[in-house]
Every structure is written in C-alpha cells, then in structure tokens.
C-alpha cells in the first residue's frame, strides 16, 4: 500500500479529523507496518501496548470481557482504528481486538505520536480538540441514558402505589 493510501485512511479516522495532511504523512511514514495472523490479538484488554492500530487490509473483531467470557462488540475492517487511548495517553486497552483473517495494519507507537505532537503543536491541539468533541458527545449520550433511567424509575414508583 502506498503512503498516500495510508494517509487517506488516517484522514477518515475521527481522532485525526482536520489534521494537516503533512502531519499524517509523517505518522504514516514513521509507523510500523505489521501483519497479524488470523486468531492473533492486535490488542488485549488490560494490557498497555502504547500503540494505536489502523487496519489497512483484512478484518478483526473487538471483544469486551464480561462474566468471565468475551462478548463481541464490533467487526473492524479496512480503515478502522483501535487503541486511541493507548496511543494518546498510554492507558491500558479496554477491549481485545483479534484478527479474524490476516490483517495488514499500521501500528502507531505512543512515542511517535508524542514526537509528532512535540514537533507540530497544531497537530496535538487538533487531536485534543477531536478527543474533547468525542468526550462531549459521549457525556451527552450518558446524560440521555441517565434521564431515561430516571424516568423509568419514576414510572415504576407510580406503578407501585
């Protein structure tokens, strides 16, 4: 895959929305291209890999740990990005992502991300703004869920009288 194809995939990742193409070129050029065999994990819940992963080819599935087992959450294909919090903040992964076919991926190490942020502060500012937008949307969605639960609780109390 040519560098420009990888840059085009990165441009579609919400974390990198609005980032200058030149900065994405640096990320794509400096990242590691890896192949993960079917059945192998790209990331594991609870581990610190300090990397984000862009799927260039193939498919993977994301799982969460639940009741001693794993529950499938999503199928990830070309253009999917996983490990955002590990990439940005070096936090442990919350999900396990396993290849269901051979996966060609771009692995962006946390150290590379920090280096690009240091050399291009506007890149880091845009990524932070994107994260804040995602966080704000998530908080608004949680507020709606909370309101729905409160309404359900009030309704059930009325039914008990």
Protein backbone atom coordinates (compact mmCIF):
# COMPACT_ATOMS: atom_id res chain seq x y z
CA UNK A 1 0.00 0.00 0.00
CA UNK A 2 1.35 3.39 -0.94
CA UNK A 3 1.96 6.07 1.65
CA UNK A 4 -0.82 8.22 0.21
CA UNK A 5 -3.33 5.37 0.63
CA UNK A 6 -2.40 5.11 4.31
CA UNK A 7 -2.71 8.88 4.70
CA UNK A 8 -6.18 8.74 3.12
CA UNK A 9 -7.21 6.06 5.62
CA UNK A 10 -5.85 8.11 8.52
CA UNK A 11 -7.80 11.16 7.32
CA UNK A 12 -11.03 9.18 7.84
CA UNK A 13 -10.20 8.39 11.49
CA UNK A 14 -12.22 10.75 13.75
CA UNK A 15 -9.19 11.20 16.05
CA UNK A 16 -7.30 12.79 13.14
CA UNK A 17 -10.15 14.83 11.62
CA UNK A 18 -8.95 18.23 10.41
CA UNK A 19 -5.26 17.37 10.88
CA UNK A 20 -2.91 18.62 8.16
CA UNK A 21 -2.02 16.01 5.55
CA UNK A 22 1.71 16.65 6.10
CA UNK A 23 1.38 15.54 9.73
CA UNK A 24 -0.47 12.39 8.72
CA UNK A 25 2.28 11.69 6.19
CA UNK A 26 4.85 11.84 9.00
CA UNK A 27 2.74 9.43 11.08
CA UNK A 28 2.18 7.00 8.21
CA UNK A 29 5.80 7.07 7.04
CA UNK A 30 7.23 6.58 10.54
CA UNK A 31 4.77 3.94 11.75
CA UNK A 32 5.36 0.21 11.64
CA UNK A 33 3.61 -1.94 9.08
CA UNK A 34 2.67 -5.26 10.66
CA UNK A 35 0.83 -8.38 9.63
CA UNK A 36 -1.25 -10.20 12.23
CA UNK A 37 -2.36 -13.77 11.51
CA UNK A 38 -5.95 -14.88 11.89
CA UNK A 39 -6.65 -15.74 15.53
CA UNK A 40 -3.93 -13.48 16.92
CA UNK A 41 -4.68 -10.40 19.02
CA UNK A 42 -3.75 -6.92 17.90
CA UNK A 43 -4.52 -5.65 21.40
CA UNK A 44 -5.65 -7.28 24.66
CA UNK A 45 -7.92 -5.80 27.29
CA UNK A 46 -5.95 -4.64 30.32
CA UNK A 47 -2.58 -4.55 28.57
CA UNK A 48 -0.51 -1.47 27.81
CA UNK A 49 0.78 -1.66 24.26
CA UNK A 50 1.10 2.12 23.94
CA UNK A 51 0.06 1.95 20.29
CA UNK A 52 -2.84 2.74 18.04
CA UNK A 53 -3.66 0.41 15.16
CA UNK A 54 -5.03 1.27 11.72
CA UNK A 55 -6.39 -1.72 9.80
CA UNK A 56 -5.16 -1.45 6.23
CA UNK A 57 -6.42 -4.82 4.99
CA UNK A 58 -8.30 -7.75 6.47
CA UNK A 59 -10.76 -7.97 9.34
CA UNK A 60 -10.73 -8.17 13.13
CA UNK A 61 -13.30 -8.32 15.89
CA UNK A 62 -13.46 -6.28 19.08
CA UNK A 63 -14.47 -8.02 22.32
CA UNK A 64 -15.12 -6.89 25.86
CA UNK A 65 -14.60 -9.02 28.95
CA UNK A 66 -17.94 -9.93 30.50
CA UNK A 67 -18.93 -12.52 33.12
CA UNK A 68 -15.70 -14.47 32.68
CA UNK A 69 -16.06 -14.56 28.89
CA UNK A 70 -15.84 -12.32 25.89
CA UNK A 71 -18.71 -10.53 24.16
CA UNK A 72 -18.26 -9.47 20.54
CA UNK A 73 -18.85 -5.74 20.08
CA UNK A 74 -17.86 -4.98 16.51
CA UNK A 75 -16.24 -6.16 13.34
CA UNK A 76 -13.35 -3.95 12.26
CA UNK A 77 -12.27 -3.74 8.64
CA UNK A 78 -10.18 -1.54 6.36
CA UNK A 79 -9.93 1.97 7.80
CA UNK A 80 -10.88 1.03 11.36
CA UNK A 81 -8.69 2.48 14.10
CA UNK A 82 -8.34 0.96 17.55
CA UNK A 83 -6.31 1.77 20.62
CA UNK A 84 -6.91 5.54 20.67
CA UNK A 85 -6.48 5.93 24.44
CA UNK A 86 -3.36 3.77 24.44
CA UNK A 87 -1.93 5.89 21.62
CA UNK A 88 -2.76 9.27 23.14
CA UNK A 89 -2.44 8.65 26.88
CA UNK A 90 -0.62 5.30 27.19
CA UNK A 91 -3.64 3.85 29.03
CA UNK A 92 -4.41 0.12 29.17
CA UNK A 93 -6.70 -1.20 26.46
CA UNK A 94 -10.35 -1.67 27.41
CA UNK A 95 -11.07 -4.16 24.64
CA UNK A 96 -9.46 -7.13 22.98
CA UNK A 97 -9.13 -6.94 19.19
CA UNK A 98 -8.49 -10.24 17.41
CA UNK A 99 -7.78 -10.82 13.73
CA UNK A 100 -10.40 -12.98 12.01
CA UNK A 101 -8.36 -13.02 8.81
CA UNK A 102 -4.82 -12.00 8.08
CA UNK A 103 -4.67 -8.30 8.96
CA UNK A 104 -2.26 -5.78 7.50
CA UNK A 105 -2.06 -2.93 9.98
CA UNK A 106 -0.22 0.29 10.64
CA UNK A 107 0.94 0.39 14.27
CA UNK A 108 1.48 3.92 15.56
CA UNK A 109 3.55 3.87 18.77
CA UNK A 110 2.77 6.30 21.59
CA UNK A 111 6.34 7.65 21.42
CA UNK A 112 5.93 8.52 17.74
CA UNK A 113 2.61 10.21 18.47
CA UNK A 114 4.24 12.31 21.21
CA UNK A 115 7.16 13.20 18.93
CA UNK A 116 4.79 14.43 16.21
CA UNK A 117 2.83 16.43 18.82
CA UNK A 118 6.09 17.98 20.03
CA UNK A 119 7.30 18.89 16.57
CA UNK A 120 3.90 20.06 15.34
CA UNK A 121 1.91 21.55 18.26
CA UNK A 122 -1.02 22.33 15.97
CA UNK A 123 -1.32 18.58 15.31
CA UNK A 124 -1.58 17.86 19.04
CA UNK A 125 -4.07 20.70 19.52
CA UNK A 126 -6.32 19.37 16.76
CA UNK A 127 -6.19 15.80 18.12
CA UNK A 128 -7.02 17.12 21.60
CA UNK A 129 -9.94 19.11 20.19
CA UNK A 130 -11.19 15.95 18.43
CA UNK A 131 -10.93 13.97 21.67
CA UNK A 132 -12.82 16.67 23.56
CA UNK A 133 -15.60 16.59 20.95
CA UNK A 134 -15.85 12.80 21.25
CA UNK A 135 -15.87 13.07 25.05
CA UNK A 136 -18.57 15.75 24.99
CA UNK A 137 -20.76 13.61 22.71
CA UNK A 138 -20.28 10.61 25.00
CA UNK A 139 -21.18 12.67 28.06
CA UNK A 140 -24.32 13.97 26.34
CA UNK A 141 -25.32 10.41 25.42
CA UNK A 142 -24.74 9.29 29.02
CA UNK A 143 -26.91 12.16 30.26
CA UNK A 144 -29.71 10.97 27.96
CA UNK A 145 -29.38 7.42 29.28
CA UNK A 146 -29.43 8.71 32.85
CA UNK A 147 -32.57 10.72 32.13
CA UNK A 148 -34.25 7.65 30.61
CA UNK A 149 -33.39 5.61 33.72
CA UNK A 150 -34.71 8.35 35.99
CA UNK A 151 -37.96 8.46 34.02
CA UNK A 152 -38.25 4.68 34.17
CA UNK A 153 -37.64 4.72 37.92
CA UNK A 154 -40.29 7.41 38.43
CA UNK A 155 -42.72 5.44 36.27
CA UNK A 156 -42.10 2.22 38.24
CA UNK A 157 -42.65 4.07 41.53
CA UNK A 158 -46.01 5.34 40.29
CA UNK A 159 -46.97 1.78 39.34
CA UNK A 160 -46.14 0.52 42.85
CA UNK A 161 -48.59 2.91 44.55
